[in-house]
């Protein structure tokens, strides 16, 4: 495996108890500074893959590195390089939004750097006076913005986002996409994300990997895939790839 990649996945397989297959023999690479999107229907293996990369679950077999760090052998070192936003990101219900931000960022920073990160997260969240309220009073969209603000302000080398705009209205979704794109462009943050929103993927991703039943059935830039499959959008690309792969 080469250290020139931000993420290297080689023959990754995860089989859950009962024989349920999460992913099977999955291989792909993400380059530093790239936004790479995994797309596919529910059960295709997107979340399983992201959770393995984030060190939350162990693979059955296969190799995985994050900026050259073997995730299985050095999970703590790998975690120091990344931040993960799950699809259902929880927050401590009895904390205020501000206390939640401070707590999450204190896991990575101290002193002046912590205060700078907290200020950055406050600006990102755009929740203003809402940050003084307990998280239990927040809507789903507010909780999403709160969690995302802490993740972005942590300034990871690798940002892993599972359905980043889930639960957000159109205006907030546009805000989140622009934030992700800005952090990628201006700070060089590498982004690995999953999304059901194909317009979102086309707007954000440099390359996409299409998953079906735990396997990679197609990969390339949105433009390349549409041209190759003579498709007008990524939904059509997926349907054609699924058909040719025997799905």
Protein backbone atom coordinates (compact mmCIF):
# COMPACT_ATOMS: atom_id res chain seq x y z
CA UNK A 1 0.00 0.00 0.00
CA UNK A 2 1.27 3.47 -0.90
CA UNK A 3 1.44 6.46 1.45
CA UNK A 4 0.47 8.85 -1.37
CA UNK A 5 -3.20 8.21 -0.63
CA UNK A 6 -5.35 9.72 2.10
CA UNK A 7 -7.39 6.51 2.28
CA UNK A 8 -6.42 3.10 0.92
CA UNK A 9 -8.93 0.28 1.07
CA UNK A 10 -7.85 -3.13 -0.18
CA UNK A 11 -10.05 -6.24 -0.34
CA UNK A 12 -12.13 -5.01 2.59
CA UNK A 13 -14.71 -7.52 3.80
CA UNK A 14 -17.11 -7.30 6.74
CA UNK A 15 -19.38 -10.21 7.59
CA UNK A 16 -21.70 -9.68 10.56
CA UNK A 17 -23.01 -12.38 12.86
CA UNK A 18 -25.55 -14.54 11.09
CA UNK A 19 -23.58 -14.29 7.87
CA UNK A 20 -24.91 -10.89 6.80
CA UNK A 21 -22.40 -9.31 4.41
CA UNK A 22 -21.65 -5.61 4.93
CA UNK A 23 -19.00 -5.28 2.24
CA UNK A 24 -17.12 -7.87 0.22
CA UNK A 25 -13.65 -7.55 -1.36
CA UNK A 26 -13.99 -3.76 -1.57
CA UNK A 27 -11.02 -1.77 -2.87
CA UNK A 28 -10.68 1.95 -3.60
CA UNK A 29 -8.36 4.89 -2.90
CA UNK A 30 -8.98 8.50 -1.92
CA UNK A 31 -6.34 11.11 -2.79
CA UNK A 32 -5.27 13.89 -0.40
CA UNK A 33 -7.41 16.98 -0.92
CA UNK A 34 -10.11 15.04 -2.75
CA UNK A 35 -13.85 14.84 -2.09
CA UNK A 36 -14.84 11.22 -2.69
CA UNK A 37 -18.45 10.06 -2.42
CA UNK A 38 -19.77 6.56 -1.86
CA UNK A 39 -23.26 6.14 -3.28
CA UNK A 40 -25.70 3.28 -3.48
CA UNK A 41 -29.04 2.07 -2.08
CA UNK A 42 -29.67 1.20 1.56
CA UNK A 43 -27.78 -1.93 2.50
CA UNK A 44 -25.10 -1.46 -0.15
CA UNK A 45 -22.31 -1.10 2.41
CA UNK A 46 -21.73 2.66 2.53
CA UNK A 47 -22.13 3.14 6.28
CA UNK A 48 -20.28 -0.09 7.06
CA UNK A 49 -17.32 1.15 5.04
CA UNK A 50 -17.30 4.56 6.68
CA UNK A 51 -17.55 3.07 10.17
CA UNK A 52 -14.63 0.72 9.51
CA UNK A 53 -12.48 3.60 8.24
CA UNK A 54 -13.48 5.65 11.30
CA UNK A 55 -12.23 2.74 13.50
CA UNK A 56 -15.69 2.16 15.02
CA UNK A 57 -16.01 -1.43 13.82
CA UNK A 58 -13.40 -3.98 12.78
CA UNK A 59 -13.29 -5.60 9.36
CA UNK A 60 -13.48 -9.35 8.95
CA UNK A 61 -10.49 -9.14 6.61
CA UNK A 62 -8.75 -6.78 4.27
CA UNK A 63 -6.33 -3.87 4.66
CA UNK A 64 -7.02 -0.22 5.34
CA UNK A 65 -4.77 2.81 5.80
CA UNK A 66 -5.47 6.47 6.53
CA UNK A 67 -2.55 8.67 5.47
CA UNK A 68 -0.33 5.62 5.68
CA UNK A 69 -1.52 4.56 9.14
CA UNK A 70 -2.79 0.99 9.44
CA UNK A 71 -6.25 1.46 10.96
CA UNK A 72 -6.41 -2.04 12.47
CA UNK A 73 -2.96 -1.89 14.08
CA UNK A 74 -2.94 1.77 15.15
CA UNK A 75 -6.57 2.86 15.65
CA UNK A 76 -5.72 5.67 18.09
CA UNK A 77 -3.23 7.20 15.67
CA UNK A 78 -5.74 6.88 12.85
CA UNK A 79 -8.43 8.59 14.95
CA UNK A 80 -6.14 11.57 15.52
CA UNK A 81 -6.18 12.16 11.75
CA UNK A 82 -9.90 12.01 11.14
CA UNK A 83 -13.33 13.17 12.28
CA UNK A 84 -16.55 11.27 11.67
CA UNK A 85 -20.13 12.53 11.44
CA UNK A 86 -22.58 9.59 11.46
CA UNK A 87 -25.98 9.80 9.79
CA UNK A 88 -27.70 9.92 13.19
CA UNK A 89 -25.28 12.07 15.12
CA UNK A 90 -26.32 12.21 18.74
CA UNK A 91 -25.63 14.99 21.20
CA UNK A 92 -25.75 15.08 24.96
CA UNK A 93 -29.33 16.11 25.61
CA UNK A 94 -28.82 17.99 28.86
CA UNK A 95 -25.86 20.04 27.68
CA UNK A 96 -26.38 23.40 26.04
CA UNK A 97 -25.27 23.64 22.43
CA UNK A 98 -22.23 25.68 23.49
CA UNK A 99 -21.28 23.16 26.18
CA UNK A 100 -21.55 20.37 23.63
CA UNK A 101 -19.23 22.18 21.21
CA UNK A 102 -16.71 22.88 23.97
CA UNK A 103 -16.80 19.29 25.23
CA UNK A 104 -16.33 17.74 21.78
CA UNK A 105 -13.46 20.05 20.84
CA UNK A 106 -11.75 19.61 24.22
CA UNK A 107 -11.14 16.00 23.18
CA UNK A 108 -8.73 17.32 20.54
CA UNK A 109 -7.55 20.76 21.70
CA UNK A 110 -6.56 22.65 24.85
CA UNK A 111 -5.85 26.25 25.85
CA UNK A 112 -5.90 28.96 23.23
CA UNK A 113 -6.33 26.50 20.37
CA UNK A 114 -9.47 25.17 22.04
CA UNK A 115 -10.95 28.66 22.36
CA UNK A 116 -10.20 29.36 18.68
CA UNK A 117 -11.88 26.11 17.65
CA UNK A 118 -14.93 26.85 19.82
CA UNK A 119 -15.29 30.28 18.21
CA UNK A 120 -14.99 28.70 14.78
CA UNK A 121 -17.67 26.12 15.58
CA UNK A 122 -20.02 28.82 16.89
CA UNK A 123 -19.67 30.71 13.61
CA UNK A 124 -20.17 27.56 11.54
CA UNK A 125 -23.31 26.51 13.40
CA UNK A 126 -25.17 29.81 12.84
CA UNK A 127 -27.35 28.82 15.81
CA UNK A 128 -26.66 32.08 17.68
CA UNK A 129 -28.86 32.31 20.79
CA UNK A 130 -29.89 28.71 20.37
CA UNK A 131 -26.48 27.63 21.63
CA UNK A 132 -27.55 28.64 25.15
CA UNK A 133 -30.45 26.19 25.11
CA UNK A 134 -30.30 22.50 26.07
CA UNK A 135 -29.74 20.21 23.10
CA UNK A 136 -32.95 18.32 23.98
CA UNK A 137 -34.91 21.36 22.75
CA UNK A 138 -33.26 21.29 19.31
CA UNK A 139 -34.87 20.15 16.09
CA UNK A 140 -33.18 17.40 14.08
CA UNK A 141 -31.73 19.98 11.73
CA UNK A 142 -30.30 22.04 14.60
CA UNK A 143 -28.67 18.94 16.10
CA UNK A 144 -27.16 18.18 12.71
CA UNK A 145 -25.66 21.64 12.39
CA UNK A 146 -24.36 21.49 15.96
CA UNK A 147 -22.57 18.18 15.39
CA UNK A 148 -21.24 19.28 12.00
CA UNK A 149 -19.86 22.52 13.42
CA UNK A 150 -17.80 20.61 16.01
CA UNK A 151 -16.54 18.17 13.37
CA UNK A 152 -15.46 20.90 10.94
CA UNK A 153 -13.85 23.05 13.64
CA UNK A 154 -11.72 20.09 14.72
CA UNK A 155 -9.80 20.59 11.43
CA UNK A 156 -9.14 16.89 10.68
CA UNK A 157 -6.99 15.77 7.78
CA UNK A 158 -9.79 13.38 6.81
CA UNK A 159 -13.44 14.32 7.23
CA UNK A 160 -15.89 11.40 7.05
CA UNK A 161 -19.52 12.41 6.53
CA UNK A 162 -22.44 9.97 6.44
CA UNK A 163 -25.42 11.73 4.81
CA UNK A 164 -24.14 15.21 5.79
CA UNK A 165 -27.39 17.09 5.05
CA UNK A 166 -29.83 14.56 6.51
CA UNK A 167 -32.70 16.36 8.24
CA UNK A 168 -31.80 19.81 6.93
CA UNK A 169 -34.00 22.13 4.91
CA UNK A 170 -32.91 23.43 1.51
CA UNK A 171 -31.26 26.59 2.82
CA UNK A 172 -29.30 24.78 5.55
CA UNK A 173 -28.34 22.02 3.09
CA UNK A 174 -26.83 24.58 0.73
CA UNK A 175 -24.97 26.13 3.66
CA UNK A 176 -23.52 22.77 4.69
CA UNK A 177 -22.42 21.89 1.15
CA UNK A 178 -20.70 25.23 0.72
CA UNK A 179 -18.95 24.79 4.09
CA UNK A 180 -17.67 21.34 3.14
CA UNK A 181 -16.48 22.62 -0.21
CA UNK A 182 -14.76 25.64 1.40
CA UNK A 183 -12.94 23.54 4.00
CA UNK A 184 -11.80 21.21 1.25
CA UNK A 185 -10.69 23.97 -1.10
CA UNK A 186 -9.15 26.43 1.37
CA UNK A 187 -7.77 24.11 4.06
CA UNK A 188 -7.06 21.02 2.00
CA UNK A 189 -9.30 18.79 4.12
CA UNK A 190 -9.85 15.43 2.44
CA UNK A 191 -13.53 14.43 2.49
CA UNK A 192 -15.07 10.98 2.25
CA UNK A 193 -18.85 11.06 2.27
CA UNK A 194 -21.96 9.06 1.55
CA UNK A 195 -25.20 10.55 0.31
CA UNK A 196 -28.51 9.54 -1.25
CA UNK A 197 -28.78 13.02 -2.77
CA UNK A 198 -27.31 12.74 -6.26
CA UNK A 199 -27.44 16.50 -6.86
CA UNK A 200 -25.41 16.93 -3.69
CA UNK A 201 -22.88 14.36 -4.86
CA UNK A 202 -22.51 16.00 -8.28
CA UNK A 203 -21.99 19.38 -6.61
CA UNK A 204 -19.39 18.18 -4.11
CA UNK A 205 -17.55 15.11 -5.33
CA UNK A 206 -14.43 14.95 -7.46
CA UNK A 207 -14.94 11.20 -7.77
CA UNK A 208 -17.63 8.72 -6.77
CA UNK A 209 -17.64 5.04 -5.98
CA UNK A 210 -20.91 3.21 -6.65
CA UNK A 211 -21.70 0.36 -4.27
CA UNK A 212 -24.20 -2.44 -4.71
CA UNK A 213 -24.55 -5.41 -2.38
CA UNK A 214 -21.25 -4.61 -0.73
CA UNK A 215 -19.25 -4.41 -3.95
CA UNK A 216 -17.86 -1.54 -6.00
CA UNK A 217 -19.59 -1.62 -9.39
CA UNK A 218 -18.34 1.69 -10.80
CA UNK A 219 -15.93 4.53 -10.07
CA UNK A 220 -14.94 7.84 -11.63
CA UNK A 221 -15.81 11.51 -11.72
CA UNK A 222 -19.52 12.29 -12.15
CA UNK A 223 -18.81 13.67 -15.62
CA UNK A 224 -16.76 10.64 -16.70
CA UNK A 225 -19.38 8.18 -15.49
CA UNK A 226 -22.25 10.00 -17.22
CA UNK A 227 -20.29 10.19 -20.46
CA UNK A 228 -19.18 6.55 -20.33
CA UNK A 229 -22.68 5.23 -19.60
CA UNK A 230 -24.44 7.78 -21.85
CA UNK A 231 -26.50 8.94 -18.88
CA UNK A 232 -27.91 12.35 -18.00
CA UNK A 233 -27.52 11.94 -14.25
CA UNK A 234 -25.96 9.68 -11.61
CA UNK A 235 -29.22 7.83 -10.96
CA UNK A 236 -29.16 6.61 -14.55
CA UNK A 237 -25.49 5.71 -14.20
CA UNK A 238 -26.24 3.55 -11.18
CA UNK A 239 -29.16 1.74 -12.84
CA UNK A 240 -27.05 0.92 -15.91
CA UNK A 241 -24.11 -0.26 -13.80
CA UNK A 242 -26.39 -2.38 -11.64
CA UNK A 243 -27.84 -4.03 -14.75
CA UNK A 244 -24.44 -4.79 -16.28
CA UNK A 245 -23.15 -6.14 -12.95
CA UNK A 246 -25.95 -8.68 -12.82
CA UNK A 247 -28.06 -6.86 -10.22
